[in-house]
Amino acid sequence: MNLSLSMAAFALAASISPGPVNVVALGAGARHGFASSIWFVTGATVGFTALLLLTGLGLHSITAAWPAFMDVLHWGGIAFLIYMAVMLAIDDGTLSSSGQAKPPSLLLGAGMQWINPKAWLAAAAGMGVFAGGGELGAVWHFGLIYFAVCYVSIAAWSAAGALLKTALTFPARVRLLNRALALSLVASAAYMAFGS
């Protein structure tokens, strides 16, 4: 029981803290509502859990053998965050139900985790602590706990965004939120580029 609680605490700390995926979930909830953003939440959770399990099953040894792979992921992730920040910054702030803008997809959520250095670090650190011996049961145990905690954490960001939606009836307010989210993404990208 103590091990499961420790795993859950680690997963919560890593999943609920601000990061690029949570920023997108917040924005998706605010822009499209909770129900429409749940696909992104699901994709992000499945994508991270797959990364976590593969790390526990030996992917970390492959990335250690090819450090350039991690460099490509690192800088590709930074470029993607900058792209998303620019898209948020230039958005006109109109919340429309006419279908002009689609909510972020399941595939985007899953893919973001694979280019998110925060996700790679959490997967490597978590598996190192809780399944460092490579025991298959420990890998799956940690993966199941992490899946549940990660899903709830990202969904909480999306729900918070959906709660903000009622306050965002004016495009100027949406533009303000978009600019704040864009700055958050730029700050994440800058931290990944210069702080880690």
N, C-alpha and C. Protein backbone atom coordinates (compact mmCIF):
# COMPACT_ATOMS: atom_id res chain seq x y z
N MET A 1 0.82 -1.20 0.00
CA MET A 1 0.00 0.00 0.00
C MET A 1 0.86 1.26 0.00
N ASN A 2 1.93 1.26 0.83
CA ASN A 2 2.81 2.42 0.87
C ASN A 2 3.46 2.68 -0.48
N LEU A 3 3.84 1.59 -1.18
CA LEU A 3 4.44 1.75 -2.50
C LEU A 3 3.44 2.37 -3.47
N SER A 4 2.21 1.91 -3.45
CA SER A 4 1.18 2.46 -4.34
C SER A 4 0.94 3.94 -4.05
N LEU A 5 0.91 4.31 -2.79
CA LEU A 5 0.72 5.73 -2.43
C LEU A 5 1.91 6.57 -2.88
N SER A 6 3.10 6.03 -2.75
CA SER A 6 4.30 6.75 -3.23
C SER A 6 4.25 6.93 -4.73
N MET A 7 3.86 5.88 -5.44
CA MET A 7 3.73 5.97 -6.90
C MET A 7 2.70 7.02 -7.29
N ALA A 8 1.56 7.01 -6.59
CA ALA A 8 0.49 7.97 -6.89
C ALA A 8 0.93 9.40 -6.59
N ALA A 9 1.66 9.59 -5.51
CA ALA A 9 2.14 10.93 -5.16
C ALA A 9 3.11 11.44 -6.22
N PHE A 10 4.02 10.59 -6.66
CA PHE A 10 4.95 10.98 -7.72
C PHE A 10 4.18 11.34 -8.99
N ALA A 11 3.24 10.47 -9.37
CA ALA A 11 2.45 10.71 -10.58
C ALA A 11 1.67 12.01 -10.51
N LEU A 12 1.10 12.29 -9.34
CA LEU A 12 0.33 13.53 -9.17
C LEU A 12 1.22 14.76 -9.29
N ALA A 13 2.36 14.72 -8.62
CA ALA A 13 3.27 15.87 -8.68
C ALA A 13 3.73 16.14 -10.11
N ALA A 14 4.03 15.08 -10.84
CA ALA A 14 4.52 15.25 -12.21
C ALA A 14 3.39 15.62 -13.18
N SER A 15 2.19 15.10 -12.94
CA SER A 15 1.09 15.30 -13.90
C SER A 15 0.31 16.59 -13.71
N ILE A 16 0.16 17.03 -12.48
CA ILE A 16 -0.68 18.20 -12.21
C ILE A 16 0.08 19.51 -12.37
N SER A 17 1.41 19.44 -12.33
CA SER A 17 2.21 20.67 -12.43
C SER A 17 2.08 21.26 -13.83
N PRO A 18 2.18 22.59 -13.93
CA PRO A 18 2.03 23.24 -15.24
C PRO A 18 3.06 22.73 -16.23
N GLY A 19 2.64 22.57 -17.43
CA GLY A 19 3.50 22.14 -18.52
C GLY A 19 2.75 22.31 -19.82
N PRO A 20 3.40 22.04 -20.93
CA PRO A 20 2.78 22.30 -22.23
C PRO A 20 1.47 21.54 -22.44
N VAL A 21 1.41 20.29 -22.05
CA VAL A 21 0.19 19.51 -22.25
C VAL A 21 -0.96 20.07 -21.41
N ASN A 22 -0.66 20.45 -20.17
CA ASN A 22 -1.70 21.01 -19.31
C ASN A 22 -2.17 22.37 -19.80
N VAL A 23 -1.27 23.15 -20.35
CA VAL A 23 -1.65 24.46 -20.91
C VAL A 23 -2.61 24.26 -22.08
N VAL A 24 -2.30 23.30 -22.94
CA VAL A 24 -3.18 23.03 -24.08
C VAL A 24 -4.54 22.51 -23.58
N ALA A 25 -4.53 21.66 -22.56
CA ALA A 25 -5.79 21.15 -22.00
C ALA A 25 -6.63 22.29 -21.43
N LEU A 26 -6.00 23.22 -20.74
CA LEU A 26 -6.70 24.38 -20.19
C LEU A 26 -7.33 25.20 -21.33
N GLY A 27 -6.54 25.47 -22.35
CA GLY A 27 -7.04 26.23 -23.49
C GLY A 27 -8.15 25.50 -24.23
N ALA A 28 -8.01 24.19 -24.37
CA ALA A 28 -9.04 23.41 -25.06
C ALA A 28 -10.35 23.43 -24.27
N GLY A 29 -10.26 23.32 -22.96
CA GLY A 29 -11.46 23.38 -22.13
C GLY A 29 -12.14 24.72 -22.24
N ALA A 30 -11.35 25.79 -22.23
CA ALA A 30 -11.91 27.15 -22.32
C ALA A 30 -12.51 27.42 -23.69
N ARG A 31 -11.88 26.92 -24.70
CA ARG A 31 -12.31 27.24 -26.06
C ARG A 31 -13.43 26.32 -26.55
N HIS A 32 -13.36 25.04 -26.18
CA HIS A 32 -14.28 24.07 -26.76
C HIS A 32 -15.17 23.36 -25.73
N GLY A 33 -14.92 23.58 -24.45
CA GLY A 33 -15.68 22.91 -23.42
C GLY A 33 -15.03 21.59 -23.01
N PHE A 34 -15.43 21.11 -21.86
CA PHE A 34 -14.81 19.91 -21.30
C PHE A 34 -15.07 18.68 -22.16
N ALA A 35 -16.31 18.47 -22.58
CA ALA A 35 -16.64 17.26 -23.35
C ALA A 35 -15.84 17.18 -24.65
N SER A 36 -15.68 18.30 -25.33
CA SER A 36 -14.95 18.30 -26.60
C SER A 36 -13.45 18.13 -26.41
N SER A 37 -12.94 18.51 -25.24
CA SER A 37 -11.50 18.40 -25.02
C SER A 37 -11.09 17.05 -24.41
N ILE A 38 -12.06 16.21 -24.11
CA ILE A 38 -11.75 14.94 -23.44
C ILE A 38 -10.93 14.02 -24.35
N TRP A 39 -11.09 14.16 -25.67
CA TRP A 39 -10.26 13.35 -26.57
C TRP A 39 -8.79 13.71 -26.43
N PHE A 40 -8.50 14.99 -26.32
CA PHE A 40 -7.12 15.42 -26.11
C PHE A 40 -6.59 14.87 -24.79
N VAL A 41 -7.40 14.97 -23.73
CA VAL A 41 -7.02 14.47 -22.41
C VAL A 41 -6.70 12.97 -22.50
N THR A 42 -7.56 12.23 -23.17
CA THR A 42 -7.37 10.79 -23.32
C THR A 42 -6.09 10.49 -24.10
N GLY A 43 -5.90 11.20 -25.20
CA GLY A 43 -4.69 10.99 -26.00
C GLY A 43 -3.42 11.29 -25.23
N ALA A 44 -3.43 12.40 -24.49
CA ALA A 44 -2.26 12.76 -23.70
C ALA A 44 -1.96 11.71 -22.64
N THR A 45 -3.00 11.18 -22.02
CA THR A 45 -2.81 10.17 -20.98
C THR A 45 -2.30 8.86 -21.58
N VAL A 46 -2.91 8.43 -22.67
CA VAL A 46 -2.47 7.19 -23.32
C VAL A 46 -1.05 7.35 -23.86
N GLY A 47 -0.77 8.51 -24.48
CA GLY A 47 0.57 8.75 -25.01
C GLY A 47 1.63 8.71 -23.93
N PHE A 48 1.34 9.36 -22.79
CA PHE A 48 2.33 9.34 -21.72
C PHE A 48 2.47 7.95 -21.12
N THR A 49 1.37 7.26 -20.91
CA THR A 49 1.44 5.93 -20.31
C THR A 49 2.22 4.98 -21.21
N ALA A 50 2.04 5.08 -22.52
CA ALA A 50 2.82 4.26 -23.45
C ALA A 50 4.31 4.58 -23.33
N LEU A 51 4.62 5.87 -23.26
CA LEU A 51 6.02 6.28 -23.08
C LEU A 51 6.58 5.74 -21.77
N LEU A 52 5.81 5.84 -20.70
CA LEU A 52 6.23 5.36 -19.39
C LEU A 52 6.49 3.85 -19.41
N LEU A 53 5.55 3.09 -19.97
CA LEU A 53 5.70 1.64 -20.01
C LEU A 53 6.88 1.22 -20.88
N LEU A 54 7.02 1.86 -22.03
CA LEU A 54 8.16 1.52 -22.89
C LEU A 54 9.48 1.90 -22.25
N THR A 55 9.49 2.98 -21.49
CA THR A 55 10.70 3.34 -20.75
C THR A 55 11.02 2.25 -19.73
N GLY A 56 10.01 1.80 -19.02
CA GLY A 56 10.21 0.73 -18.04
C GLY A 56 10.62 -0.58 -18.66
N LEU A 57 10.20 -0.79 -19.90
CA LEU A 57 10.53 -2.04 -20.60
C LEU A 57 11.83 -1.96 -21.39
N GLY A 58 12.54 -0.83 -21.33
CA GLY A 58 13.86 -0.78 -21.93
C GLY A 58 14.12 0.29 -22.96
N LEU A 59 13.14 1.16 -23.25
CA LEU A 59 13.36 2.21 -24.23
C LEU A 59 14.50 3.13 -23.81
N HIS A 60 14.66 3.31 -22.49
CA HIS A 60 15.73 4.20 -22.03
C HIS A 60 17.11 3.71 -22.47
N SER A 61 17.30 2.40 -22.62
CA SER A 61 18.60 1.90 -23.07
C SER A 61 18.83 2.25 -24.54
N ILE A 62 17.76 2.28 -25.33
CA ILE A 62 17.88 2.66 -26.73
C ILE A 62 18.24 4.15 -26.84
N THR A 63 17.56 4.98 -26.06
CA THR A 63 17.85 6.42 -26.13
C THR A 63 19.24 6.72 -25.58
N ALA A 64 19.71 5.90 -24.64
CA ALA A 64 21.09 6.09 -24.14
C ALA A 64 22.10 5.74 -25.23
N ALA A 65 21.77 4.76 -26.06
CA ALA A 65 22.68 4.35 -27.14
C ALA A 65 22.72 5.39 -28.26
N TRP A 66 21.61 6.12 -28.46
CA TRP A 66 21.54 7.15 -29.50
C TRP A 66 21.14 8.48 -28.88
N PRO A 67 22.09 9.16 -28.25
CA PRO A 67 21.74 10.43 -27.60
C PRO A 67 21.23 11.50 -28.58
N ALA A 68 21.58 11.38 -29.85
CA ALA A 68 21.10 12.36 -30.83
C ALA A 68 19.58 12.28 -30.96
N PHE A 69 18.99 11.10 -30.73
CA PHE A 69 17.55 10.95 -30.76
C PHE A 69 16.89 11.86 -29.73
N MET A 70 17.47 11.91 -28.55
CA MET A 70 16.93 12.77 -27.50
C MET A 70 17.09 14.25 -27.86
N ASP A 71 18.20 14.58 -28.52
CA ASP A 71 18.41 15.97 -28.95
C ASP A 71 17.34 16.39 -29.96
N VAL A 72 17.02 15.48 -30.90
CA VAL A 72 15.99 15.78 -31.90
C VAL A 72 14.65 15.98 -31.20
N LEU A 73 14.31 15.09 -30.27
CA LEU A 73 13.06 15.24 -29.51
C LEU A 73 13.05 16.54 -28.73
N HIS A 74 14.16 16.84 -28.10
CA HIS A 74 14.26 18.04 -27.27
C HIS A 74 13.99 19.30 -28.11
N TRP A 75 14.74 19.47 -29.19
CA TRP A 75 14.61 20.68 -29.99
C TRP A 75 13.33 20.68 -30.83
N GLY A 76 12.89 19.50 -31.25
CA GLY A 76 11.60 19.41 -31.94
C GLY A 76 10.46 19.81 -31.03
N GLY A 77 10.52 19.38 -29.79
CA GLY A 77 9.51 19.76 -28.80
C GLY A 77 9.49 21.26 -28.55
N ILE A 78 10.66 21.85 -28.47
CA ILE A 78 10.75 23.30 -28.26
C ILE A 78 10.15 24.04 -29.46
N ALA A 79 10.49 23.59 -30.66
CA ALA A 79 9.94 24.23 -31.87
C ALA A 79 8.42 24.10 -31.92
N PHE A 80 7.90 22.94 -31.53
CA PHE A 80 6.46 22.74 -31.53
C PHE A 80 5.78 23.66 -30.51
N LEU A 81 6.37 23.83 -29.33
CA LEU A 81 5.80 24.74 -28.34
C LEU A 81 5.77 26.18 -28.85
N ILE A 82 6.83 26.58 -29.51
CA ILE A 82 6.88 27.94 -30.08
C ILE A 82 5.79 28.10 -31.14
N TYR A 83 5.63 27.09 -31.99
CA TYR A 83 4.58 27.12 -33.02
C TYR A 83 3.21 27.28 -32.37
N MET A 84 2.93 26.46 -31.34
CA MET A 84 1.63 26.55 -30.67
C MET A 84 1.45 27.91 -30.01
N ALA A 85 2.50 28.46 -29.44
CA ALA A 85 2.42 29.78 -28.82
C ALA A 85 2.06 30.85 -29.85
N VAL A 86 2.68 30.77 -31.02
CA VAL A 86 2.39 31.74 -32.09
C VAL A 86 0.93 31.61 -32.53
N MET A 87 0.45 30.38 -32.68
CA MET A 87 -0.95 30.18 -33.08
C MET A 87 -1.92 30.76 -32.05
N LEU A 88 -1.60 30.59 -30.78
CA LEU A 88 -2.44 31.19 -29.73
C LEU A 88 -2.37 32.71 -29.77
N ALA A 89 -1.17 33.23 -29.95
CA ALA A 89 -0.98 34.68 -29.92
C ALA A 89 -1.71 35.39 -31.06
N ILE A 90 -1.82 34.74 -32.22
CA ILE A 90 -2.45 35.41 -33.36
C ILE A 90 -3.94 35.07 -33.48
N ASP A 91 -4.45 34.22 -32.61
CA ASP A 91 -5.87 33.86 -32.65
C ASP A 91 -6.72 35.11 -32.39
N ASP A 92 -7.85 35.22 -33.08
CA ASP A 92 -8.68 36.43 -32.94
C ASP A 92 -9.56 36.44 -31.69
N GLY A 93 -9.63 35.32 -30.97
CA GLY A 93 -10.36 35.29 -29.72
C GLY A 93 -11.84 35.00 -29.84
N THR A 94 -12.31 34.67 -31.05
CA THR A 94 -13.72 34.38 -31.23
C THR A 94 -13.99 32.93 -30.85
N LEU A 95 -14.85 32.75 -29.86
CA LEU A 95 -15.29 31.41 -29.48
C LEU A 95 -16.54 31.11 -30.28
N SER A 96 -16.39 30.26 -31.26
CA SER A 96 -17.51 29.99 -32.15
C SER A 96 -17.91 28.54 -32.08
N SER A 97 -19.20 28.29 -32.09
CA SER A 97 -19.68 26.91 -32.13
C SER A 97 -20.02 26.50 -33.55
N SER A 98 -19.59 27.31 -34.52
CA SER A 98 -19.92 27.01 -35.91
C SER A 98 -19.00 25.97 -36.51
N GLY A 99 -18.06 25.46 -35.74
CA GLY A 99 -17.18 24.40 -36.22
C GLY A 99 -15.96 24.91 -36.95
N GLN A 100 -15.68 26.21 -36.89
CA GLN A 100 -14.51 26.75 -37.58
C GLN A 100 -13.23 26.19 -37.00
N ALA A 101 -13.13 26.13 -35.70
CA ALA A 101 -11.92 25.62 -35.06
C ALA A 101 -12.25 24.29 -34.40
N LYS A 102 -11.38 23.32 -34.64
CA LYS A 102 -11.60 22.00 -34.05
C LYS A 102 -10.88 21.92 -32.71
N PRO A 103 -11.43 21.17 -31.78
CA PRO A 103 -10.70 20.94 -30.53
C PRO A 103 -9.48 20.09 -30.80
N PRO A 104 -8.46 20.18 -29.95
CA PRO A 104 -7.26 19.35 -30.15
C PRO A 104 -7.63 17.87 -30.08
N SER A 105 -6.98 17.10 -30.92
CA SER A 105 -7.36 15.70 -31.11
C SER A 105 -6.65 14.75 -30.15
N LEU A 106 -7.12 13.52 -30.15
CA LEU A 106 -6.51 12.43 -29.40
C LEU A 106 -5.06 12.24 -29.86
N LEU A 107 -4.83 12.27 -31.17
CA LEU A 107 -3.47 12.08 -31.70
C LEU A 107 -2.54 13.21 -31.31
N LEU A 108 -3.05 14.45 -31.30
CA LEU A 108 -2.23 15.56 -30.86
C LEU A 108 -1.83 15.37 -29.40
N GLY A 109 -2.77 14.98 -28.56
CA GLY A 109 -2.46 14.74 -27.15
C GLY A 109 -1.40 13.68 -26.97
N ALA A 110 -1.54 12.58 -27.68
CA ALA A 110 -0.56 11.49 -27.57
C ALA A 110 0.80 11.93 -28.11
N GLY A 111 0.78 12.59 -29.26
CA GLY A 111 2.04 13.02 -29.87
C GLY A 111 2.78 14.06 -29.05
N MET A 112 2.03 14.96 -28.42
CA MET A 112 2.69 15.99 -27.61
C MET A 112 3.52 15.37 -26.50
N GLN A 113 3.06 14.26 -25.93
CA GLN A 113 3.81 13.65 -24.84
C GLN A 113 5.16 13.11 -25.33
N TRP A 114 5.20 12.63 -26.55
CA TRP A 114 6.43 12.04 -27.07
C TRP A 114 7.47 13.09 -27.46
N ILE A 115 7.05 14.34 -27.60
CA ILE A 115 8.03 15.40 -27.88
C ILE A 115 8.18 16.34 -26.69
N ASN A 116 7.62 15.95 -25.56
CA ASN A 116 7.65 16.77 -24.36
C ASN A 116 8.78 16.30 -23.44
N PRO A 117 9.87 17.07 -23.34
CA PRO A 117 10.97 16.64 -22.47
C PRO A 117 10.55 16.41 -21.03
N LYS A 118 9.55 17.15 -20.55
CA LYS A 118 9.05 16.93 -19.19
C LYS A 118 8.51 15.51 -19.04
N ALA A 119 7.82 15.02 -20.07
CA ALA A 119 7.27 13.66 -20.04
C ALA A 119 8.39 12.63 -20.03
N TRP A 120 9.41 12.84 -20.84
CA TRP A 120 10.54 11.89 -20.88
C TRP A 120 11.25 11.85 -19.53
N LEU A 121 11.45 13.02 -18.94
CA LEU A 121 12.12 13.04 -17.63
C LEU A 121 11.27 12.37 -16.56
N ALA A 122 9.97 12.63 -16.58
CA ALA A 122 9.08 12.00 -15.59
C ALA A 122 9.07 10.48 -15.77
N ALA A 123 9.02 10.03 -17.02
CA ALA A 123 9.00 8.59 -17.28
C ALA A 123 10.29 7.93 -16.82
N ALA A 124 11.43 8.54 -17.17
CA ALA A 124 12.71 7.95 -16.79
C ALA A 124 12.92 7.98 -15.28
N ALA A 125 12.60 9.11 -14.67
CA ALA A 125 12.79 9.22 -13.22
C ALA A 125 11.85 8.29 -12.47
N GLY A 126 10.58 8.27 -12.87
CA GLY A 126 9.60 7.43 -12.19
C GLY A 126 9.93 5.96 -12.30
N MET A 127 10.25 5.51 -13.49
CA MET A 127 10.60 4.10 -13.66
C MET A 127 11.90 3.77 -12.94
N GLY A 128 12.83 4.72 -12.94
CA GLY A 128 14.08 4.50 -12.22
C GLY A 128 13.86 4.29 -10.73
N VAL A 129 12.93 5.05 -10.17
CA VAL A 129 12.66 4.96 -8.74
C VAL A 129 11.81 3.74 -8.40
N PHE A 130 10.74 3.52 -9.17
CA PHE A 130 9.76 2.52 -8.77
C PHE A 130 9.88 1.17 -9.47
N ALA A 131 10.61 1.11 -10.57
CA ALA A 131 10.77 -0.16 -11.28
C ALA A 131 12.18 -0.29 -11.84
N GLY A 132 13.14 0.26 -11.09
CA GLY A 132 14.53 0.27 -11.55
C GLY A 132 15.10 -1.10 -11.80
N GLY A 133 14.58 -2.09 -11.12
CA GLY A 133 15.08 -3.45 -11.32
C GLY A 133 14.55 -4.10 -12.58
N GLY A 134 13.65 -3.44 -13.26
CA GLY A 134 13.09 -3.98 -14.50
C GLY A 134 12.07 -5.07 -14.29
N GLU A 135 11.59 -5.24 -13.06
CA GLU A 135 10.58 -6.27 -12.79
C GLU A 135 9.29 -5.90 -13.50
N LEU A 136 8.79 -6.82 -14.30
CA LEU A 136 7.62 -6.57 -15.14
C LEU A 136 6.40 -6.17 -14.31
N GLY A 137 6.18 -6.82 -13.18
CA GLY A 137 5.03 -6.50 -12.34
C GLY A 137 5.08 -5.07 -11.83
N ALA A 138 6.27 -4.60 -11.45
CA ALA A 138 6.43 -3.23 -10.95
C ALA A 138 6.20 -2.22 -12.07
N VAL A 139 6.66 -2.54 -13.28
CA VAL A 139 6.46 -1.64 -14.43
C VAL A 139 4.97 -1.46 -14.69
N TRP A 140 4.21 -2.56 -14.74
CA TRP A 140 2.77 -2.48 -15.01
C TRP A 140 2.01 -1.85 -13.86
N HIS A 141 2.41 -2.16 -12.63
CA HIS A 141 1.77 -1.56 -11.45
C HIS A 141 1.88 -0.04 -11.49
N PHE A 142 3.10 0.44 -11.73
CA PHE A 142 3.34 1.88 -11.81
C PHE A 142 2.58 2.48 -12.99
N GLY A 143 2.57 1.79 -14.13
CA GLY A 143 1.88 2.28 -15.31
C GLY A 143 0.38 2.45 -15.09
N LEU A 144 -0.24 1.50 -14.41
CA LEU A 144 -1.68 1.58 -14.14
C LEU A 144 -2.01 2.73 -13.19
N ILE A 145 -1.21 2.88 -12.15
CA ILE A 145 -1.44 3.98 -11.21
C ILE A 145 -1.23 5.32 -11.91
N TYR A 146 -0.17 5.40 -12.70
CA TYR A 146 0.15 6.65 -13.38
C TYR A 146 -0.96 7.01 -14.37
N PHE A 147 -1.50 6.02 -15.08
CA PHE A 147 -2.56 6.28 -16.04
C PHE A 147 -3.74 6.98 -15.36
N ALA A 148 -4.18 6.42 -14.23
CA ALA A 148 -5.35 6.99 -13.53
C ALA A 148 -5.06 8.40 -13.04
N VAL A 149 -3.91 8.60 -12.43
CA VAL A 149 -3.57 9.91 -11.88
C VAL A 149 -3.36 10.93 -13.00
N CYS A 150 -2.70 10.53 -14.05
CA CYS A 150 -2.44 11.42 -15.19
C CYS A 150 -3.75 11.85 -15.84
N TYR A 151 -4.66 10.91 -16.02
CA TYR A 151 -5.95 11.23 -16.65
C TYR A 151 -6.71 12.27 -15.83
N VAL A 152 -6.79 12.05 -14.55
CA VAL A 152 -7.51 12.98 -13.68
C VAL A 152 -6.82 14.34 -13.66
N SER A 153 -5.50 14.35 -13.65
CA SER A 153 -4.76 15.62 -13.60
C SER A 153 -4.97 16.46 -14.85
N ILE A 154 -4.82 15.85 -16.01
CA ILE A 154 -5.00 16.61 -17.26
C ILE A 154 -6.46 17.01 -17.42
N ALA A 155 -7.37 16.12 -17.03
CA ALA A 155 -8.80 16.44 -17.10
C ALA A 155 -9.13 17.62 -16.18
N ALA A 156 -8.45 17.72 -15.05
CA ALA A 156 -8.69 18.85 -14.14
C ALA A 156 -8.31 20.17 -14.80
N TRP A 157 -7.22 20.18 -15.57
CA TRP A 157 -6.85 21.40 -16.30
C TRP A 157 -7.91 21.73 -17.35
N SER A 158 -8.39 20.72 -18.04
CA SER A 158 -9.44 20.95 -19.04
C SER A 158 -10.72 21.45 -18.39
N ALA A 159 -11.08 20.87 -17.25
CA ALA A 159 -12.29 21.30 -16.53
C ALA A 159 -12.14 22.74 -16.06
N ALA A 160 -10.94 23.10 -15.60
CA ALA A 160 -10.70 24.49 -15.17
C ALA A 160 -10.90 25.44 -16.35
N GLY A 161 -10.42 25.03 -17.51
CA GLY A 161 -10.63 25.85 -18.71
C GLY A 161 -12.11 25.98 -19.05
N ALA A 162 -12.84 24.87 -18.93
CA ALA A 162 -14.28 24.91 -19.22
C ALA A 162 -15.01 25.83 -18.26
N LEU A 163 -14.58 25.85 -17.01
CA LEU A 163 -15.19 26.77 -16.04
C LEU A 163 -14.91 28.22 -16.41
N LEU A 164 -13.76 28.47 -17.01
CA LEU A 164 -13.43 29.83 -17.45
C LEU A 164 -14.25 30.27 -18.66
N LYS A 165 -14.81 29.30 -19.38
CA LYS A 165 -15.49 29.62 -20.63
C LYS A 165 -16.61 30.65 -20.44
N THR A 166 -17.33 30.56 -19.34
CA THR A 166 -18.42 31.51 -19.12
C THR A 166 -17.89 32.94 -18.92
N ALA A 167 -16.67 33.05 -18.43
CA ALA A 167 -16.07 34.37 -18.26
C ALA A 167 -15.46 34.89 -19.56
N LEU A 168 -15.44 34.03 -20.57
CA LEU A 168 -14.77 34.39 -21.81
C LEU A 168 -15.76 34.62 -22.95
N THR A 169 -16.82 35.34 -22.66
CA THR A 169 -17.84 35.58 -23.69
C THR A 169 -17.43 36.69 -24.65
N PHE A 170 -16.41 37.45 -24.31
CA PHE A 170 -15.94 38.53 -25.17
C PHE A 170 -14.61 38.16 -25.79
N PRO A 171 -14.45 38.38 -27.10
CA PRO A 171 -13.20 38.04 -27.77
C PRO A 171 -11.96 38.66 -27.12
N ALA A 172 -12.10 39.87 -26.58
CA ALA A 172 -10.94 40.51 -25.95
C ALA A 172 -10.44 39.69 -24.76
N ARG A 173 -11.35 39.12 -24.00
CA ARG A 173 -10.96 38.27 -22.86
C ARG A 173 -10.29 36.98 -23.34
N VAL A 174 -10.83 36.41 -24.42
CA VAL A 174 -10.23 35.19 -24.97
C VAL A 174 -8.83 35.49 -25.48
N ARG A 175 -8.67 36.64 -26.16
CA ARG A 175 -7.34 37.01 -26.64
C ARG A 175 -6.38 37.15 -25.48
N LEU A 176 -6.85 37.73 -24.38
CA LEU A 176 -6.00 37.87 -23.20
C LEU A 176 -5.59 36.51 -22.65
N LEU A 177 -6.54 35.58 -22.54
CA LEU A 177 -6.22 34.23 -22.08
C LEU A 177 -5.26 33.56 -23.06
N ASN A 178 -5.52 33.68 -24.36
CA ASN A 178 -4.65 33.08 -25.36
C ASN A 178 -3.23 33.61 -25.25
N ARG A 179 -3.10 34.92 -25.04
CA ARG A 179 -1.75 35.51 -24.91
C ARG A 179 -1.06 34.99 -23.65
N ALA A 180 -1.83 34.86 -22.56
CA ALA A 180 -1.25 34.32 -21.32
C ALA A 180 -0.80 32.87 -21.52
N LEU A 181 -1.63 32.08 -22.20
CA LEU A 181 -1.25 30.69 -22.48
C LEU A 181 -0.04 30.63 -23.42
N ALA A 182 -0.03 31.54 -24.40
CA ALA A 182 1.11 31.59 -25.32
C ALA A 182 2.40 31.91 -24.55
N LEU A 183 2.32 32.86 -23.62
CA LEU A 183 3.50 33.19 -22.81
C LEU A 183 3.92 32.00 -21.95
N SER A 184 2.95 31.25 -21.45
CA SER A 184 3.27 30.06 -20.67
C SER A 184 4.01 29.04 -21.53
N LEU A 185 3.56 28.86 -22.76
CA LEU A 185 4.25 27.92 -23.66
C LEU A 185 5.65 28.41 -24.00
N VAL A 186 5.80 29.71 -24.24
CA VAL A 186 7.13 30.26 -24.51
C VAL A 186 8.04 30.09 -23.30
N ALA A 187 7.49 30.31 -22.10
CA ALA A 187 8.28 30.11 -20.89
C ALA A 187 8.71 28.64 -20.75
N SER A 188 7.80 27.72 -21.06
CA SER A 188 8.14 26.29 -21.03
C SER A 188 9.23 25.98 -22.03
N ALA A 189 9.10 26.54 -23.24
CA ALA A 189 10.10 26.31 -24.27
C ALA A 189 11.45 26.89 -23.86
N ALA A 190 11.43 28.09 -23.28
CA ALA A 190 12.69 28.72 -22.84
C ALA A 190 13.34 27.91 -21.73
N TYR A 191 12.52 27.41 -20.81
CA TYR A 191 13.08 26.58 -19.75
C TYR A 191 13.71 25.30 -20.32
N MET A 192 13.02 24.69 -21.29
CA MET A 192 13.56 23.48 -21.89
C MET A 192 14.85 23.79 -22.66
N ALA A 193 14.91 24.94 -23.28
CA ALA A 193 16.09 25.30 -24.08
C ALA A 193 17.28 25.71 -23.22
N PHE A 194 17.02 26.48 -22.16
CA PHE A 194 18.13 27.07 -21.42
C PHE A 194 18.22 26.66 -19.95
N GLY A 195 17.12 26.12 -19.40
CA GLY A 195 17.11 25.84 -17.97
C GLY A 195 17.40 24.41 -17.61
N SER A 196 17.36 23.50 -18.60
CA SER A 196 17.56 22.09 -18.25
C SER A 196 18.88 21.58 -18.78
